[in-house]
C-alpha atoms as a PDB file:
ATOM      1  CA  UNK A   1     -17.783 -22.365  -9.028  1.00  0.00           C
ATOM      2  CA  UNK A   2     -15.841 -22.783 -12.131  1.00  0.00           C
ATOM      3  CA  UNK A   3     -11.749 -23.854 -11.923  1.00  0.00           C
ATOM      4  CA  UNK A   4     -10.600 -20.795 -11.637  1.00  0.00           C
ATOM      5  CA  UNK A   5     -12.865 -19.452  -8.478  1.00  0.00           C
ATOM      6  CA  UNK A   6     -11.622 -22.705  -6.572  1.00  0.00           C
ATOM      7  CA  UNK A   7      -7.873 -21.731  -7.354  1.00  0.00           C
ATOM      8  CA  UNK A   8      -8.941 -17.883  -6.271  1.00  0.00           C
ATOM      9  CA  UNK A   9     -10.103 -19.350  -2.990  1.00  0.00           C
ATOM     10  CA  UNK A  10      -6.827 -19.642  -1.413  1.00  0.00           C
ATOM     11  CA  UNK A  11      -7.313 -15.695  -1.068  1.00  0.00           C
ATOM     12  CA  UNK A  12     -10.243 -15.754   1.259  1.00  0.00           C
ATOM     13  CA  UNK A  13      -9.331 -14.949   5.083  1.00  0.00           C
ATOM     14  CA  UNK A  14      -6.185 -12.692   3.339  1.00  0.00           C
ATOM     15  CA  UNK A  15      -5.664  -9.222   4.513  1.00  0.00           C
ATOM     16  CA  UNK A  16      -5.315  -6.628   1.885  1.00  0.00           C
ATOM     17  CA  UNK A  17      -4.584  -2.581   2.786  1.00  0.00           C
ATOM     18  CA  UNK A  18      -6.665   0.220   0.460  1.00  0.00           C
ATOM     19  CA  UNK A  19      -5.055   3.786   1.401  1.00  0.00           C
ATOM     20  CA  UNK A  20      -8.768   4.829   1.423  1.00  0.00           C
ATOM     21  CA  UNK A  21     -10.152   2.055   3.940  1.00  0.00           C
ATOM     22  CA  UNK A  22      -7.359   0.654   5.694  1.00  0.00           C
ATOM     23  CA  UNK A  23      -6.888  -2.742   6.552  1.00  0.00           C
ATOM     24  CA  UNK A  24      -9.460  -5.486   5.082  1.00  0.00           C
ATOM     25  CA  UNK A  25      -9.938  -8.690   4.858  1.00  0.00           C
ATOM     26  CA  UNK A  26     -11.148 -10.914   2.057  1.00  0.00           C
ATOM     27  CA  UNK A  27     -14.547 -12.457   3.247  1.00  0.00           C
ATOM     28  CA  UNK A  28     -15.749 -14.313   0.061  1.00  0.00           C
ATOM     29  CA  UNK A  29     -15.960 -14.605  -3.865  1.00  0.00           C
ATOM     30  CA  UNK A  30     -19.408 -13.558  -5.218  1.00  0.00           C
ATOM     31  CA  UNK A  31     -20.649 -13.234  -8.497  1.00  0.00           C
ATOM     32  CA  UNK A  32     -22.634 -10.241  -8.920  1.00  0.00           C
ATOM     33  CA  UNK A  33     -24.693 -10.864 -12.046  1.00  0.00           C
ATOM     34  CA  UNK A  34     -26.121 -14.559 -13.051  1.00  0.00           C
ATOM     35  CA  UNK A  35     -23.805 -14.852 -15.800  1.00  0.00           C
ATOM     36  CA  UNK A  36     -21.245 -12.180 -14.546  1.00  0.00           C
ATOM     37  CA  UNK A  37     -17.377 -12.532 -13.042  1.00  0.00           C
ATOM     38  CA  UNK A  38     -16.469 -13.535  -9.692  1.00  0.00           C
ATOM     39  CA  UNK A  39     -15.316 -10.843  -7.518  1.00  0.00           C
ATOM     40  CA  UNK A  40     -13.561 -10.828  -4.225  1.00  0.00           C
ATOM     41  CA  UNK A  41     -15.752  -9.251  -1.249  1.00  0.00           C
ATOM     42  CA  UNK A  42     -13.098  -7.218   0.691  1.00  0.00           C
ATOM     43  CA  UNK A  43     -14.737  -6.276   4.390  1.00  0.00           C
ATOM     44  CA  UNK A  44     -13.456  -3.281   6.153  1.00  0.00           C
ATOM     45  CA  UNK A  45     -14.667  -4.017   9.554  1.00  0.00           C
ATOM     46  CA  UNK A  46     -13.826  -0.684  11.543  1.00  0.00           C
ATOM     47  CA  UNK A  47     -15.625   1.265   8.847  1.00  0.00           C
ATOM     48  CA  UNK A  48     -18.527  -1.128   7.775  1.00  0.00           C
ATOM     49  CA  UNK A  49     -17.422  -0.986   3.963  1.00  0.00           C
ATOM     50  CA  UNK A  50     -17.526  -3.775   1.508  1.00  0.00           C
ATOM     51  CA  UNK A  51     -15.735  -3.256  -1.562  1.00  0.00           C
ATOM     52  CA  UNK A  52     -15.729  -5.604  -4.846  1.00  0.00           C
ATOM     53  CA  UNK A  53     -12.323  -6.738  -6.797  1.00  0.00           C
ATOM     54  CA  UNK A  54     -12.658  -8.741 -10.123  1.00  0.00           C
ATOM     55  CA  UNK A  55     -11.246 -12.122  -9.078  1.00  0.00           C
ATOM     56  CA  UNK A  56      -9.566 -12.013 -13.003  1.00  0.00           C
ATOM     57  CA  UNK A  57      -7.942  -8.835 -12.161  1.00  0.00           C
ATOM     58  CA  UNK A  58      -6.585  -8.516  -8.605  1.00  0.00           C
ATOM     59  CA  UNK A  59      -3.885  -6.208  -9.213  1.00  0.00           C
ATOM     60  CA  UNK A  60      -6.251  -3.521  -7.660  1.00  0.00           C
ATOM     61  CA  UNK A  61      -5.862  -5.405  -4.378  1.00  0.00           C
ATOM     62  CA  UNK A  62      -2.722  -4.655  -1.933  1.00  0.00           C
ATOM     63  CA  UNK A  63      -2.021  -7.884   0.073  1.00  0.00           C
ATOM     64  CA  UNK A  64       0.055  -7.397   2.938  1.00  0.00           C
ATOM     65  CA  UNK A  65       3.668  -7.714   2.149  1.00  0.00           C
ATOM     66  CA  UNK A  66       5.845 -10.488   3.963  1.00  0.00           C
ATOM     67  CA  UNK A  67       8.137  -9.537   6.450  1.00  0.00           C
ATOM     68  CA  UNK A  68      11.480 -10.467   3.827  1.00  0.00           C
ATOM     69  CA  UNK A  69       9.469  -8.161   1.413  1.00  0.00           C
ATOM     70  CA  UNK A  70       8.974  -5.466   3.644  1.00  0.00           C
ATOM     71  CA  UNK A  71      12.371  -5.384   5.079  1.00  0.00           C
ATOM     72  CA  UNK A  72      13.928  -5.473   1.621  1.00  0.00           C
ATOM     73  CA  UNK A  73      11.994  -2.485   0.256  1.00  0.00           C
ATOM     74  CA  UNK A  74      12.777  -0.252   3.197  1.00  0.00           C
ATOM     75  CA  UNK A  75      16.985  -1.136   2.483  1.00  0.00           C
ATOM     76  CA  UNK A  76      16.673   1.580   0.547  1.00  0.00           C
ATOM     77  CA  UNK A  77      16.572   3.869   3.293  1.00  0.00           C
ATOM     78  CA  UNK A  78      20.150   2.596   4.581  1.00  0.00           C
ATOM     79  CA  UNK A  79      21.854   4.277   1.866  1.00  0.00           C
ATOM     80  CA  UNK A  80      23.037   7.541   0.878  1.00  0.00           C
ATOM     81  CA  UNK A  81      20.721   9.493  -1.309  1.00  0.00           C
ATOM     82  CA  UNK A  82      20.101  13.051  -2.292  1.00  0.00           C
ATOM     83  CA  UNK A  83      16.781  14.298  -3.413  1.00  0.00           C
ATOM     84  CA  UNK A  84      15.786  14.787  -7.223  1.00  0.00           C
ATOM     85  CA  UNK A  85      16.554  17.546  -9.241  1.00  0.00           C
ATOM     86  CA  UNK A  86      13.475  19.120 -11.064  1.00  0.00           C
ATOM     87  CA  UNK A  87      13.619  21.851 -13.416  1.00  0.00           C
ATOM     88  CA  UNK A  88      10.581  23.226 -12.458  1.00  0.00           C
ATOM     89  CA  UNK A  89       7.442  22.778 -10.059  1.00  0.00           C
ATOM     90  CA  UNK A  90       5.309  21.358 -12.278  1.00  0.00           C
ATOM     91  CA  UNK A  91       7.832  18.870 -13.558  1.00  0.00           C
ATOM     92  CA  UNK A  92       8.250  17.855 -10.110  1.00  0.00           C
ATOM     93  CA  UNK A  93       4.128  17.899  -9.743  1.00  0.00           C
ATOM     94  CA  UNK A  94       4.049  15.390 -12.842  1.00  0.00           C
ATOM     95  CA  UNK A  95       6.994  13.029 -11.106  1.00  0.00           C
ATOM     96  CA  UNK A  96       4.700  12.993  -7.369  1.00  0.00           C
ATOM     97  CA  UNK A  97       1.954  12.268  -9.499  1.00  0.00           C
ATOM     98  CA  UNK A  98       2.642   9.823 -11.398  1.00  0.00           C
ATOM     99  CA  UNK A  99       1.135   6.343 -10.897  1.00  0.00           C
ATOM    100  CA  UNK A 100       3.120   3.766  -9.214  1.00  0.00           C
ATOM    101  CA  UNK A 101       2.682   0.216  -7.998  1.00  0.00           C
ATOM    102  CA  UNK A 102       0.508   0.331  -5.239  1.00  0.00           C
ATOM    103  CA  UNK A 103       0.204  -3.135  -4.612  1.00  0.00           C
ATOM    104  CA  UNK A 104       4.396  -3.397  -4.634  1.00  0.00           C
ATOM    105  CA  UNK A 105       5.586  -2.324  -1.398  1.00  0.00           C
ATOM    106  CA  UNK A 106       9.476  -1.504  -2.826  1.00  0.00           C
ATOM    107  CA  UNK A 107       7.282   1.216  -4.948  1.00  0.00           C
ATOM    108  CA  UNK A 108       5.938   2.534  -2.019  1.00  0.00           C
ATOM    109  CA  UNK A 109       9.383   2.767  -0.498  1.00  0.00           C
ATOM    110  CA  UNK A 110      11.092   4.031  -3.167  1.00  0.00           C
ATOM    111  CA  UNK A 111       8.368   7.091  -3.392  1.00  0.00           C
ATOM    112  CA  UNK A 112       8.301   7.688   0.131  1.00  0.00           C
ATOM    113  CA  UNK A 113      11.987   8.176  -0.023  1.00  0.00           C
ATOM    114  CA  UNK A 114      12.094  10.553  -2.976  1.00  0.00           C
ATOM    115  CA  UNK A 115       9.470  12.758  -1.135  1.00  0.00           C
ATOM    116  CA  UNK A 116      10.975  12.717   2.329  1.00  0.00           C
ATOM    117  CA  UNK A 117      14.179  13.470   0.383  1.00  0.00           C
ATOM    118  CA  UNK A 118      12.513  16.599  -0.963  1.00  0.00           C
ATOM    119  CA  UNK A 119      12.322  19.632   1.515  1.00  0.00           C
ATOM    120  CA  UNK A 120       9.984  21.695   0.148  1.00  0.00           C
ATOM    121  CA  UNK A 121       7.189  19.720  -0.271  1.00  0.00           C
ATOM    122  CA  UNK A 122       3.773  21.056  -1.908  1.00  0.00           C
ATOM    123  CA  UNK A 123       0.560  20.532   0.571  1.00  0.00           C
ATOM    124  CA  UNK A 124      -0.743  18.018  -2.110  1.00  0.00           C
ATOM    125  CA  UNK A 125       2.749  16.317  -2.016  1.00  0.00           C
ATOM    126  CA  UNK A 126       2.806  16.212   1.888  1.00  0.00           C
ATOM    127  CA  UNK A 127      -0.513  14.792   1.418  1.00  0.00           C
ATOM    128  CA  UNK A 128       0.513  11.758  -0.575  1.00  0.00           C
ATOM    129  CA  UNK A 129       3.668  11.289   1.973  1.00  0.00           C
ATOM    130  CA  UNK A 130       1.500  11.448   4.699  1.00  0.00           C
ATOM    131  CA  UNK A 131      -1.149   8.587   3.288  1.00  0.00           C
ATOM    132  CA  UNK A 132       2.112   6.797   2.439  1.00  0.00           C
ATOM    133  CA  UNK A 133       2.898   6.399   5.770  1.00  0.00           C
ATOM    134  CA  UNK A 134       0.071   5.748   7.414  1.00  0.00           C
ATOM    135  CA  UNK A 135      -0.480   2.851   5.002  1.00  0.00           C
ATOM    136  CA  UNK A 136       3.310   1.204   5.797  1.00  0.00           C
ATOM    137  CA  UNK A 137       2.719   1.637   9.712  1.00  0.00           C
ATOM    138  CA  UNK A 138      -0.806  -0.348   9.049  1.00  0.00           C
ATOM    139  CA  UNK A 139       0.991  -3.105   7.116  1.00  0.00           C
ATOM    140  CA  UNK A 140       4.116  -3.025   9.554  1.00  0.00           C
ATOM    141  CA  UNK A 141       2.056  -2.992  12.812  1.00  0.00           C
ATOM    142  CA  UNK A 142       0.277  -6.636  10.807  1.00  0.00           C
ATOM    143  CA  UNK A 143       3.742  -8.042   9.671  1.00  0.00           C
ATOM    144  CA  UNK A 144       5.725  -7.319  12.686  1.00  0.00           C
ATOM    145  CA  UNK A 145       2.733  -7.872  15.006  1.00  0.00           C
ATOM    146  CA  UNK A 146       2.649  -4.553  16.522  1.00  0.00           C
ATOM    147  CA  UNK A 147       0.250  -1.752  18.343  1.00  0.00           C
ATOM    148  CA  UNK A 148      -0.029   0.926  15.549  1.00  0.00           C
ATOM    149  CA  UNK A 149       1.841   3.304  18.610  1.00  0.00           C
ATOM    150  CA  UNK A 150       4.472   0.663  17.855  1.00  0.00           C
ATOM    151  CA  UNK A 151       4.520   0.593  14.643  1.00  0.00           C
ATOM    152  CA  UNK A 152       4.768   4.104  13.961  1.00  0.00           C
ATOM    153  CA  UNK A 153       7.679   4.547  16.064  1.00  0.00           C
ATOM    154  CA  UNK A 154       9.117   1.524  14.157  1.00  0.00           C
ATOM    155  CA  UNK A 155       8.536   3.310  10.781  1.00  0.00           C
ATOM    156  CA  UNK A 156       9.628   6.563  12.301  1.00  0.00           C
ATOM    157  CA  UNK A 157      13.140   4.969  13.018  1.00  0.00           C
ATOM    158  CA  UNK A 158      13.123   3.574   9.335  1.00  0.00           C
ATOM    159  CA  UNK A 159      12.102   6.993   7.471  1.00  0.00           C
ATOM    160  CA  UNK A 160      14.675   9.133  10.064  1.00  0.00           C
ATOM    161  CA  UNK A 161      17.756   7.535   8.394  1.00  0.00           C
ATOM    162  CA  UNK A 162      17.435   9.752   5.621  1.00  0.00           C
ATOM    163  CA  UNK A 163      15.605  12.847   6.896  1.00  0.00           C
END
């Protein structure tokens, strides 16, 4: 393996999150074609799924945050913040459907806060909110070594500071 691949070996065994598949573990690095690029192999045990992510561009991977990163990101829920004002429902849809840094827990916390502060979510916005909450619950359960049930209560307490 080349030097870059050896450097990438440090991620083997790391936990990653997917909004679609849940928690996964980087199990290995594999070259899919003889002269092709190297890919992380991520296994999602409960779903019996493997995904491949380019080693050169691991921005598509969402690594589990540290405790400090997680706690810092959710400090935004402690302050007073009002819902954003939109001139139309179309403007609001554009705002909530814009891309955000899924690999950044702070970005997720801010998007979640914006959604929670909006009182009349559309069904699509509610699905986005629910999926983000579910992802945060899974991440909190890993970081704080809780059961998923305990994590749901923990995250609910954080989020209810603004509801």
